[in-house]
């Protein structure tokens, strides 16, 4: 099984990724509503990359560490439900940020 400490660290990474997804959605909301997403200043694109890259890294960590696994084998069937729930949380955080 995945050690409990790694599962807790994965949950923290998942929470951090959800927060970054919300900030990403919040940052994208204005330019998307104004139709100016592709005419932003370079600093805005840097901010988007700064939010997107860590959010994706933390999401991958969470997707691998939160679902239980058997040592030396693949993920358990219940891991699919955990991963689906995590992806839905990330998508909901992004949508919540976009809705602001």
PDB file of N, CA and C in Angstrom:
ATOM      1  N   UNK A   1       0.825  -1.190   0.000  1.00  0.00           N
ATOM      2  CA  UNK A   1       0.000   0.000   0.000  1.00  0.00           C
ATOM      3  C   UNK A   1       0.866   1.250   0.000  1.00  0.00           C
ATOM      4  N   UNK A   2       0.308   2.314  -0.503  1.00  0.00           N
ATOM      5  CA  UNK A   2       0.984   3.600  -0.452  1.00  0.00           C
ATOM      6  C   UNK A   2       1.054   4.041   1.002  1.00  0.00           C
ATOM      7  N   UNK A   3       2.230   4.436   1.479  1.00  0.00           N
ATOM      8  CA  UNK A   3       2.326   4.871   2.878  1.00  0.00           C
ATOM      9  C   UNK A   3       1.383   6.048   3.158  1.00  0.00           C
ATOM     10  N   UNK A   4       0.882   6.088   4.359  1.00  0.00           N
ATOM     11  CA  UNK A   4      -0.077   7.124   4.756  1.00  0.00           C
ATOM     12  C   UNK A   4       0.520   8.521   4.600  1.00  0.00           C
ATOM     13  N   UNK A   5       1.799   8.678   4.918  1.00  0.00           N
ATOM     14  CA  UNK A   5       2.417  10.012   4.815  1.00  0.00           C
ATOM     15  C   UNK A   5       2.431  10.490   3.361  1.00  0.00           C
ATOM     16  N   UNK A   6       2.681   9.570   2.407  1.00  0.00           N
ATOM     17  CA  UNK A   6       2.656   9.970   1.001  1.00  0.00           C
ATOM     18  C   UNK A   6       1.242  10.315   0.554  1.00  0.00           C
ATOM     19  N   UNK A   7       0.268   9.592   1.077  1.00  0.00           N
ATOM     20  CA  UNK A   7      -1.117   9.916   0.737  1.00  0.00           C
ATOM     21  C   UNK A   7      -1.510  11.278   1.292  1.00  0.00           C
ATOM     22  N   UNK A   8      -1.030  11.608   2.498  1.00  0.00           N
ATOM     23  CA  UNK A   8      -1.326  12.931   3.069  1.00  0.00           C
ATOM     24  C   UNK A   8      -0.609  14.026   2.287  1.00  0.00           C
ATOM     25  N   UNK A   9       0.640  13.786   1.909  1.00  0.00           N
ATOM     26  CA  UNK A   9       1.357  14.769   1.084  1.00  0.00           C
ATOM     27  C   UNK A   9       0.683  14.931  -0.278  1.00  0.00           C
ATOM     28  N   UNK A  10       0.162  13.843  -0.822  1.00  0.00           N
ATOM     29  CA  UNK A  10      -0.586  13.925  -2.070  1.00  0.00           C
ATOM     30  C   UNK A  10      -1.855  14.750  -1.912  1.00  0.00           C
ATOM     31  N   UNK A  11      -2.509  14.612  -0.762  1.00  0.00           N
ATOM     32  CA  UNK A  11      -3.711  15.413  -0.509  1.00  0.00           C
ATOM     33  C   UNK A  11      -3.360  16.894  -0.392  1.00  0.00           C
ATOM     34  N   UNK A  12      -2.241  17.197   0.237  1.00  0.00           N
ATOM     35  CA  UNK A  12      -1.788  18.596   0.324  1.00  0.00           C
ATOM     36  C   UNK A  12      -1.466  19.118  -1.078  1.00  0.00           C
ATOM     37  N   UNK A  13      -0.807  18.283  -1.892  1.00  0.00           N
ATOM     38  CA  UNK A  13      -0.504  18.687  -3.277  1.00  0.00           C
ATOM     39  C   UNK A  13      -1.790  18.895  -4.065  1.00  0.00           C
ATOM     40  N   UNK A  14      -2.786  18.049  -3.828  1.00  0.00           N
ATOM     41  CA  UNK A  14      -4.073  18.219  -4.506  1.00  0.00           C
ATOM     42  C   UNK A  14      -4.765  19.512  -4.108  1.00  0.00           C
ATOM     43  N   UNK A  15      -4.702  19.839  -2.818  1.00  0.00           N
ATOM     44  CA  UNK A  15      -5.276  21.112  -2.361  1.00  0.00           C
ATOM     45  C   UNK A  15      -4.551  22.304  -2.973  1.00  0.00           C
ATOM     46  N   UNK A  16      -3.225  22.225  -3.014  1.00  0.00           N
ATOM     47  CA  UNK A  16      -2.451  23.303  -3.637  1.00  0.00           C
ATOM     48  C   UNK A  16      -2.759  23.438  -5.113  1.00  0.00           C
ATOM     49  N   UNK A  17      -2.919  22.314  -5.783  1.00  0.00           N
ATOM     50  CA  UNK A  17      -3.254  22.356  -7.207  1.00  0.00           C
ATOM     51  C   UNK A  17      -4.645  22.955  -7.425  1.00  0.00           C
ATOM     52  N   UNK A  18      -5.596  22.611  -6.571  1.00  0.00           N
ATOM     53  CA  UNK A  18      -6.946  23.178  -6.698  1.00  0.00           C
ATOM     54  C   UNK A  18      -6.918  24.693  -6.490  1.00  0.00           C
ATOM     55  N   UNK A  19      -6.126  25.146  -5.521  1.00  0.00           N
ATOM     56  CA  UNK A  19      -6.011  26.594  -5.293  1.00  0.00           C
ATOM     57  C   UNK A  19      -5.387  27.279  -6.494  1.00  0.00           C
ATOM     58  N   UNK A  20      -4.331  26.676  -7.049  1.00  0.00           N
ATOM     59  CA  UNK A  20      -3.698  27.274  -8.236  1.00  0.00           C
ATOM     60  C   UNK A  20      -4.638  27.240  -9.435  1.00  0.00           C
ATOM     61  N   UNK A  21      -5.445  26.193  -9.568  1.00  0.00           N
ATOM     62  CA  UNK A  21      -6.433  26.145 -10.655  1.00  0.00           C
ATOM     63  C   UNK A  21      -7.457  27.266 -10.492  1.00  0.00           C
ATOM     64  N   UNK A  22      -7.853  27.543  -9.248  1.00  0.00           N
ATOM     65  CA  UNK A  22      -8.799  28.632  -9.023  1.00  0.00           C
ATOM     66  C   UNK A  22      -8.168  29.971  -9.411  1.00  0.00           C
ATOM     67  N   UNK A  23      -6.930  30.193  -8.986  1.00  0.00           N
ATOM     68  CA  UNK A  23      -6.247  31.435  -9.361  1.00  0.00           C
ATOM     69  C   UNK A  23      -6.071  31.541 -10.875  1.00  0.00           C
ATOM     70  N   UNK A  24      -5.782  30.430 -11.529  1.00  0.00           N
ATOM     71  CA  UNK A  24      -5.650  30.432 -12.988  1.00  0.00           C
ATOM     72  C   UNK A  24      -6.969  30.824 -13.645  1.00  0.00           C
ATOM     73  N   UNK A  25      -8.065  30.231 -13.172  1.00  0.00           N
ATOM     74  CA  UNK A  25      -9.377  30.595 -13.706  1.00  0.00           C
ATOM     75  C   UNK A  25      -9.708  32.050 -13.443  1.00  0.00           C
ATOM     76  N   UNK A  26      -9.371  32.526 -12.253  1.00  0.00           N
ATOM     77  CA  UNK A  26      -9.621  33.929 -11.898  1.00  0.00           C
ATOM     78  C   UNK A  26      -8.811  34.867 -12.799  1.00  0.00           C
ATOM     79  N   UNK A  27      -7.588  34.478 -13.113  1.00  0.00           N
ATOM     80  CA  UNK A  27      -6.730  35.295 -13.976  1.00  0.00           C
ATOM     81  C   UNK A  27      -7.211  35.273 -15.421  1.00  0.00           C
ATOM     82  N   UNK A  28      -7.743  34.146 -15.867  1.00  0.00           N
ATOM     83  CA  UNK A  28      -8.221  34.021 -17.244  1.00  0.00           C
ATOM     84  C   UNK A  28      -9.603  34.635 -17.466  1.00  0.00           C
ATOM     85  N   UNK A  29     -10.369  34.817 -16.414  1.00  0.00           N
ATOM     86  CA  UNK A  29     -11.765  35.256 -16.547  1.00  0.00           C
ATOM     87  C   UNK A  29     -11.881  36.605 -17.250  1.00  0.00           C
ATOM     88  N   UNK A  30     -11.102  37.578 -16.821  1.00  0.00           N
ATOM     89  CA  UNK A  30     -11.197  38.914 -17.414  1.00  0.00           C
ATOM     90  C   UNK A  30     -10.870  38.934 -18.900  1.00  0.00           C
ATOM     91  N   UNK A  31      -9.688  38.439 -19.295  1.00  0.00           N
ATOM     92  CA  UNK A  31      -9.359  38.438 -20.726  1.00  0.00           C
ATOM     93  C   UNK A  31     -10.330  37.610 -21.571  1.00  0.00           C
ATOM     94  N   UNK A  32     -10.855  36.514 -21.020  1.00  0.00           N
ATOM     95  CA  UNK A  32     -11.809  35.719 -21.797  1.00  0.00           C
ATOM     96  C   UNK A  32     -13.105  36.472 -22.018  1.00  0.00           C
ATOM     97  N   UNK A  33     -13.574  37.180 -21.006  1.00  0.00           N
ATOM     98  CA  UNK A  33     -14.822  37.944 -21.150  1.00  0.00           C
ATOM     99  C   UNK A  33     -14.663  39.116 -22.100  1.00  0.00           C
ATOM    100  N   UNK A  34     -13.473  39.710 -22.113  1.00  0.00           N
ATOM    101  CA  UNK A  34     -13.216  40.853 -22.988  1.00  0.00           C
ATOM    102  C   UNK A  34     -12.790  40.429 -24.387  1.00  0.00           C
ATOM    103  N   UNK A  35     -12.527  39.148 -24.587  1.00  0.00           N
ATOM    104  CA  UNK A  35     -12.089  38.654 -25.887  1.00  0.00           C
ATOM    105  C   UNK A  35     -10.664  39.055 -26.222  1.00  0.00           C
ATOM    106  N   UNK A  36      -9.835  39.252 -25.222  1.00  0.00           N
ATOM    107  CA  UNK A  36      -8.462  39.716 -25.444  1.00  0.00           C
ATOM    108  C   UNK A  36      -7.427  38.701 -24.948  1.00  0.00           C
ATOM    109  N   UNK A  37      -7.777  37.433 -24.975  1.00  0.00           N
ATOM    110  CA  UNK A  37      -6.867  36.425 -24.449  1.00  0.00           C
ATOM    111  C   UNK A  37      -5.565  36.353 -25.236  1.00  0.00           C
ATOM    112  N   UNK A  38      -5.640  36.551 -26.545  1.00  0.00           N
ATOM    113  CA  UNK A  38      -4.443  36.431 -27.385  1.00  0.00           C
ATOM    114  C   UNK A  38      -3.728  37.756 -27.607  1.00  0.00           C
ATOM    115  N   UNK A  39      -4.182  38.812 -26.962  1.00  0.00           N
ATOM    116  CA  UNK A  39      -3.499  40.106 -27.092  1.00  0.00           C
ATOM    117  C   UNK A  39      -3.109  40.661 -25.731  1.00  0.00           C
ATOM    118  N   UNK A  40      -2.689  39.785 -24.848  1.00  0.00           N
ATOM    119  CA  UNK A  40      -2.259  40.189 -23.515  1.00  0.00           C
ATOM    120  C   UNK A  40      -0.802  40.627 -23.545  1.00  0.00           C
ATOM    121  N   UNK A  41      -0.396  41.448 -22.584  1.00  0.00           N
ATOM    122  CA  UNK A  41       1.023  41.781 -22.474  1.00  0.00           C
ATOM    123  C   UNK A  41       1.823  40.545 -22.045  1.00  0.00           C
ATOM    124  N   UNK A  42       3.106  40.517 -22.364  1.00  0.00           N
ATOM    125  CA  UNK A  42       3.928  39.340 -22.019  1.00  0.00           C
ATOM    126  C   UNK A  42       3.921  38.994 -20.524  1.00  0.00           C
ATOM    127  N   UNK A  43       3.779  39.987 -19.662  1.00  0.00           N
ATOM    128  CA  UNK A  43       3.754  39.694 -18.226  1.00  0.00           C
ATOM    129  C   UNK A  43       2.539  38.853 -17.838  1.00  0.00           C
ATOM    130  N   UNK A  44       1.423  39.045 -18.511  1.00  0.00           N
ATOM    131  CA  UNK A  44       0.234  38.236 -18.229  1.00  0.00           C
ATOM    132  C   UNK A  44       0.453  36.788 -18.645  1.00  0.00           C
ATOM    133  N   UNK A  45       1.125  36.585 -19.799  1.00  0.00           N
ATOM    134  CA  UNK A  45       1.411  35.216 -20.221  1.00  0.00           C
ATOM    135  C   UNK A  45       2.371  34.543 -19.248  1.00  0.00           C
ATOM    136  N   UNK A  46       3.322  35.307 -18.709  1.00  0.00           N
ATOM    137  CA  UNK A  46       4.237  34.760 -17.707  1.00  0.00           C
ATOM    138  C   UNK A  46       3.465  34.366 -16.451  1.00  0.00           C
ATOM    139  N   UNK A  47       2.502  35.170 -16.048  1.00  0.00           N
ATOM    140  CA  UNK A  47       1.676  34.835 -14.888  1.00  0.00           C
ATOM    141  C   UNK A  47       0.868  33.567 -15.141  1.00  0.00           C
ATOM    142  N   UNK A  48       0.303  33.438 -16.334  1.00  0.00           N
ATOM    143  CA  UNK A  48      -0.457  32.240 -16.662  1.00  0.00           C
ATOM    144  C   UNK A  48       0.425  30.999 -16.611  1.00  0.00           C
ATOM    145  N   UNK A  49       1.637  31.101 -17.148  1.00  0.00           N
ATOM    146  CA  UNK A  49       2.565  29.968 -17.097  1.00  0.00           C
ATOM    147  C   UNK A  49       2.973  29.677 -15.660  1.00  0.00           C
ATOM    148  N   UNK A  50       3.188  30.736 -14.870  1.00  0.00           N
ATOM    149  CA  UNK A  50       3.565  30.579 -13.467  1.00  0.00           C
ATOM    150  C   UNK A  50       2.475  29.860 -12.678  1.00  0.00           C
ATOM    151  N   UNK A  51       1.220  30.053 -13.048  1.00  0.00           N
ATOM    152  CA  UNK A  51       0.114  29.375 -12.371  1.00  0.00           C
ATOM    153  C   UNK A  51      -0.133  27.976 -12.932  1.00  0.00           C
ATOM    154  N   UNK A  52      -0.009  27.824 -14.248  1.00  0.00           N
ATOM    155  CA  UNK A  52      -0.347  26.562 -14.883  1.00  0.00           C
ATOM    156  C   UNK A  52       0.669  25.456 -14.596  1.00  0.00           C
ATOM    157  N   UNK A  53       1.948  25.752 -14.712  1.00  0.00           N
ATOM    158  CA  UNK A  53       2.967  24.708 -14.555  1.00  0.00           C
ATOM    159  C   UNK A  53       2.962  24.105 -13.149  1.00  0.00           C
ATOM    160  N   UNK A  54       3.015  24.905 -12.077  1.00  0.00           N
ATOM    161  CA  UNK A  54       2.953  24.277 -10.749  1.00  0.00           C
ATOM    162  C   UNK A  54       1.623  23.569 -10.482  1.00  0.00           C
ATOM    163  N   UNK A  55       0.524  24.098 -11.014  1.00  0.00           N
ATOM    164  CA  UNK A  55      -0.773  23.444 -10.817  1.00  0.00           C
ATOM    165  C   UNK A  55      -0.765  22.053 -11.447  1.00  0.00           C
ATOM    166  N   UNK A  56      -0.188  21.935 -12.636  1.00  0.00           N
ATOM    167  CA  UNK A  56      -0.133  20.628 -13.287  1.00  0.00           C
ATOM    168  C   UNK A  56       0.808  19.673 -12.566  1.00  0.00           C
ATOM    169  N   UNK A  57       1.941  20.173 -12.106  1.00  0.00           N
ATOM    170  CA  UNK A  57       2.886  19.315 -11.377  1.00  0.00           C
ATOM    171  C   UNK A  57       2.254  18.804 -10.090  1.00  0.00           C
ATOM    172  N   UNK A  58       1.619  19.689  -9.337  1.00  0.00           N
ATOM    173  CA  UNK A  58       0.967  19.267  -8.100  1.00  0.00           C
ATOM    174  C   UNK A  58      -0.202  18.314  -8.375  1.00  0.00           C
ATOM    175  N   UNK A  59      -0.913  18.531  -9.471  1.00  0.00           N
ATOM    176  CA  UNK A  59      -2.019  17.637  -9.819  1.00  0.00           C
ATOM    177  C   UNK A  59      -1.505  16.234 -10.126  1.00  0.00           C
ATOM    178  N   UNK A  60      -0.404  16.134 -10.847  1.00  0.00           N
ATOM    179  CA  UNK A  60       0.162  14.819 -11.155  1.00  0.00           C
ATOM    180  C   UNK A  60       0.622  14.128  -9.880  1.00  0.00           C
ATOM    181  N   UNK A  61       1.267  14.866  -8.992  1.00  0.00           N
ATOM    182  CA  UNK A  61       1.688  14.287  -7.709  1.00  0.00           C
ATOM    183  C   UNK A  61       0.471  13.772  -6.948  1.00  0.00           C
ATOM    184  N   UNK A  62      -0.574  14.565  -6.904  1.00  0.00           N
ATOM    185  CA  UNK A  62      -1.780  14.149  -6.184  1.00  0.00           C
ATOM    186  C   UNK A  62      -2.422  12.928  -6.832  1.00  0.00           C
ATOM    187  N   UNK A  63      -2.450  12.884  -8.151  1.00  0.00           N
ATOM    188  CA  UNK A  63      -3.076  11.761  -8.833  1.00  0.00           C
ATOM    189  C   UNK A  63      -2.315  10.454  -8.631  1.00  0.00           C
ATOM    190  N   UNK A  64      -1.022  10.547  -8.382  1.00  0.00           N
ATOM    191  CA  UNK A  64      -0.241   9.331  -8.147  1.00  0.00           C
ATOM    192  C   UNK A  64      -0.155   8.950  -6.681  1.00  0.00           C
ATOM    193  N   UNK A  65      -0.232   9.895  -5.768  1.00  0.00           N
ATOM    194  CA  UNK A  65      -0.019   9.588  -4.360  1.00  0.00           C
ATOM    195  C   UNK A  65      -1.288   9.398  -3.561  1.00  0.00           C
ATOM    196  N   UNK A  66      -2.392  10.001  -3.941  1.00  0.00           N
ATOM    197  CA  UNK A  66      -3.607   9.901  -3.125  1.00  0.00           C
ATOM    198  C   UNK A  66      -4.283   8.539  -3.265  1.00  0.00           C
ATOM    199  N   UNK A  67      -4.496   8.020  -4.482  1.00  0.00           N
ATOM    200  CA  UNK A  67      -5.157   6.711  -4.564  1.00  0.00           C
ATOM    201  C   UNK A  67      -4.278   5.605  -3.986  1.00  0.00           C
ATOM    202  N   UNK A  68      -4.881   4.662  -3.280  1.00  0.00           N
ATOM    203  CA  UNK A  68      -4.090   3.570  -2.706  1.00  0.00           C
ATOM    204  C   UNK A  68      -3.533   2.654  -3.788  1.00  0.00           C
ATOM    205  N   UNK A  69      -2.346   2.113  -3.534  1.00  0.00           N
ATOM    206  CA  UNK A  69      -1.695   1.182  -4.445  1.00  0.00           C
ATOM    207  C   UNK A  69      -1.153   0.013  -3.639  1.00  0.00           C
ATOM    208  N   UNK A  70      -1.036  -1.119  -4.283  1.00  0.00           N
ATOM    209  CA  UNK A  70      -0.395  -2.279  -3.689  1.00  0.00           C
ATOM    210  C   UNK A  70       1.066  -2.233  -4.104  1.00  0.00           C
ATOM    211  N   UNK A  71       1.976  -2.524  -3.180  1.00  0.00           N
ATOM    212  CA  UNK A  71       3.409  -2.478  -3.482  1.00  0.00           C
ATOM    213  C   UNK A  71       3.742  -3.400  -4.645  1.00  0.00           C
ATOM    214  N   UNK A  72       4.455  -2.855  -5.628  1.00  0.00           N
ATOM    215  CA  UNK A  72       4.910  -3.635  -6.771  1.00  0.00           C
ATOM    216  C   UNK A  72       3.843  -3.899  -7.811  1.00  0.00           C
ATOM    217  N   UNK A  73       2.652  -3.411  -7.607  1.00  0.00           N
ATOM    218  CA  UNK A  73       1.569  -3.619  -8.567  1.00  0.00           C
ATOM    219  C   UNK A  73       0.972  -2.274  -8.960  1.00  0.00           C
ATOM    220  N   UNK A  74       0.025  -2.320  -9.848  1.00  0.00           N
ATOM    221  CA  UNK A  74      -0.632  -1.101 -10.295  1.00  0.00           C
ATOM    222  C   UNK A  74      -1.637  -0.599  -9.276  1.00  0.00           C
ATOM    223  N   UNK A  75      -2.376   0.436  -9.625  1.00  0.00           N
ATOM    224  CA  UNK A  75      -3.363   0.993  -8.706  1.00  0.00           C
ATOM    225  C   UNK A  75      -4.536   0.045  -8.493  1.00  0.00           C
ATOM    226  N   UNK A  76      -5.152   0.161  -7.343  1.00  0.00           N
ATOM    227  CA  UNK A  76      -6.345  -0.616  -7.032  1.00  0.00           C
ATOM    228  C   UNK A  76      -7.540  -0.059  -7.794  1.00  0.00           C
ATOM    229  N   UNK A  77      -8.579  -0.866  -7.981  1.00  0.00           N
ATOM    230  CA  UNK A  77      -9.766  -0.366  -8.698  1.00  0.00           C
ATOM    231  C   UNK A  77     -10.384   0.868  -8.037  1.00  0.00           C
ATOM    232  N   UNK A  78     -10.332   0.959  -6.716  1.00  0.00           N
ATOM    233  CA  UNK A  78     -10.905   2.144  -6.061  1.00  0.00           C
ATOM    234  C   UNK A  78     -10.080   3.390  -6.361  1.00  0.00           C
ATOM    235  N   UNK A  79      -8.849   3.216  -6.824  1.00  0.00           N
ATOM    236  CA  UNK A  79      -8.008   4.355  -7.206  1.00  0.00           C
ATOM    237  C   UNK A  79      -8.601   5.136  -8.363  1.00  0.00           C
ATOM    238  N   UNK A  80      -9.310   4.447  -9.242  1.00  0.00           N
ATOM    239  CA  UNK A  80      -9.947   5.133 -10.380  1.00  0.00           C
ATOM    240  C   UNK A  80     -10.969   6.156  -9.889  1.00  0.00           C
ATOM    241  N   UNK A  81     -11.719   5.790  -8.861  1.00  0.00           N
ATOM    242  CA  UNK A  81     -12.704   6.733  -8.299  1.00  0.00           C
ATOM    243  C   UNK A  81     -12.001   7.928  -7.650  1.00  0.00           C
ATOM    244  N   UNK A  82     -10.897   7.677  -6.938  1.00  0.00           N
ATOM    245  CA  UNK A  82     -10.141   8.769  -6.322  1.00  0.00           C
ATOM    246  C   UNK A  82      -9.602   9.711  -7.386  1.00  0.00           C
ATOM    247  N   UNK A  83      -9.025   9.149  -8.453  1.00  0.00           N
ATOM    248  CA  UNK A  83      -8.480  10.008  -9.513  1.00  0.00           C
ATOM    249  C   UNK A  83      -9.574  10.805 -10.196  1.00  0.00           C
ATOM    250  N   UNK A  84     -10.716  10.178 -10.453  1.00  0.00           N
ATOM    251  CA  UNK A  84     -11.835  10.895 -11.062  1.00  0.00           C
ATOM    252  C   UNK A  84     -12.310  12.020 -10.150  1.00  0.00           C
ATOM    253  N   UNK A  85     -12.400  11.742  -8.850  1.00  0.00           N
ATOM    254  CA  UNK A  85     -12.819  12.775  -7.899  1.00  0.00           C
ATOM    255  C   UNK A  85     -11.824  13.933  -7.883  1.00  0.00           C
ATOM    256  N   UNK A  86     -10.527  13.622  -7.917  1.00  0.00           N
ATOM    257  CA  UNK A  86      -9.514  14.687  -7.922  1.00  0.00           C
ATOM    258  C   UNK A  86      -9.603  15.534  -9.186  1.00  0.00           C
ATOM    259  N   UNK A  87      -9.767  14.891 -10.330  1.00  0.00           N
ATOM    260  CA  UNK A  87      -9.885  15.642 -11.588  1.00  0.00           C
ATOM    261  C   UNK A  87     -11.124  16.538 -11.553  1.00  0.00           C
ATOM    262  N   UNK A  88     -12.223  16.027 -10.996  1.00  0.00           N
ATOM    263  CA  UNK A  88     -13.434  16.845 -10.885  1.00  0.00           C
ATOM    264  C   UNK A  88     -13.233  18.027  -9.937  1.00  0.00           C
ATOM    265  N   UNK A  89     -12.480  17.821  -8.861  1.00  0.00           N
ATOM    266  CA  UNK A  89     -12.186  18.930  -7.933  1.00  0.00           C
ATOM    267  C   UNK A  89     -11.355  19.991  -8.653  1.00  0.00           C
ATOM    268  N   UNK A  90     -10.352  19.561  -9.425  1.00  0.00           N
ATOM    269  CA  UNK A  90      -9.519  20.523 -10.154  1.00  0.00           C
ATOM    270  C   UNK A  90     -10.349  21.287 -11.198  1.00  0.00           C
ATOM    271  N   UNK A  91     -11.207  20.579 -11.916  1.00  0.00           N
ATOM    272  CA  UNK A  91     -12.056  21.226 -12.914  1.00  0.00           C
ATOM    273  C   UNK A  91     -13.043  22.186 -12.246  1.00  0.00           C
ATOM    274  N   UNK A  92     -13.601  21.794 -11.113  1.00  0.00           N
ATOM    275  CA  UNK A  92     -14.539  22.672 -10.389  1.00  0.00           C
ATOM    276  C   UNK A  92     -13.832  23.919  -9.886  1.00  0.00           C
ATOM    277  N   UNK A  93     -12.591  23.765  -9.423  1.00  0.00           N
ATOM    278  CA  UNK A  93     -11.837  24.933  -8.957  1.00  0.00           C
ATOM    279  C   UNK A  93     -11.570  25.891 -10.115  1.00  0.00           C
ATOM    280  N   UNK A  94     -11.206  25.351 -11.260  1.00  0.00           N
ATOM    281  CA  UNK A  94     -10.970  26.193 -12.443  1.00  0.00           C
ATOM    282  C   UNK A  94     -12.260  26.901 -12.870  1.00  0.00           C
ATOM    283  N   UNK A  95     -13.360  26.150 -12.911  1.00  0.00           N
ATOM    284  CA  UNK A  95     -14.660  26.736 -13.289  1.00  0.00           C
ATOM    285  C   UNK A  95     -15.108  27.792 -12.284  1.00  0.00           C
ATOM    286  N   UNK A  96     -14.848  27.547 -11.008  1.00  0.00           N
ATOM    287  CA  UNK A  96     -15.198  28.529  -9.979  1.00  0.00           C
ATOM    288  C   UNK A  96     -14.389  29.812 -10.167  1.00  0.00           C
ATOM    289  N   UNK A  97     -13.137  29.665 -10.498  1.00  0.00           N
ATOM    290  CA  UNK A  97     -12.302  30.849 -10.755  1.00  0.00           C
ATOM    291  C   UNK A  97     -12.759  31.612 -11.994  1.00  0.00           C
ATOM    292  N   UNK A  98     -13.175  30.879 -13.010  1.00  0.00           N
ATOM    293  CA  UNK A  98     -13.668  31.526 -14.234  1.00  0.00           C
ATOM    294  C   UNK A  98     -14.991  32.237 -13.997  1.00  0.00           C
ATOM    295  N   UNK A  99     -15.833  31.691 -13.117  1.00  0.00           N
ATOM    296  CA  UNK A  99     -17.141  32.280 -12.851  1.00  0.00           C
ATOM    297  C   UNK A  99     -17.049  33.553 -12.025  1.00  0.00           C
ATOM    298  N   UNK A 100     -16.074  33.641 -11.184  1.00  0.00           N
ATOM    299  CA  UNK A 100     -15.880  34.713 -10.198  1.00  0.00           C
ATOM    300  C   UNK A 100     -17.100  35.514 -10.056  1.00  0.00           C
TER     301      UNK A 100
END
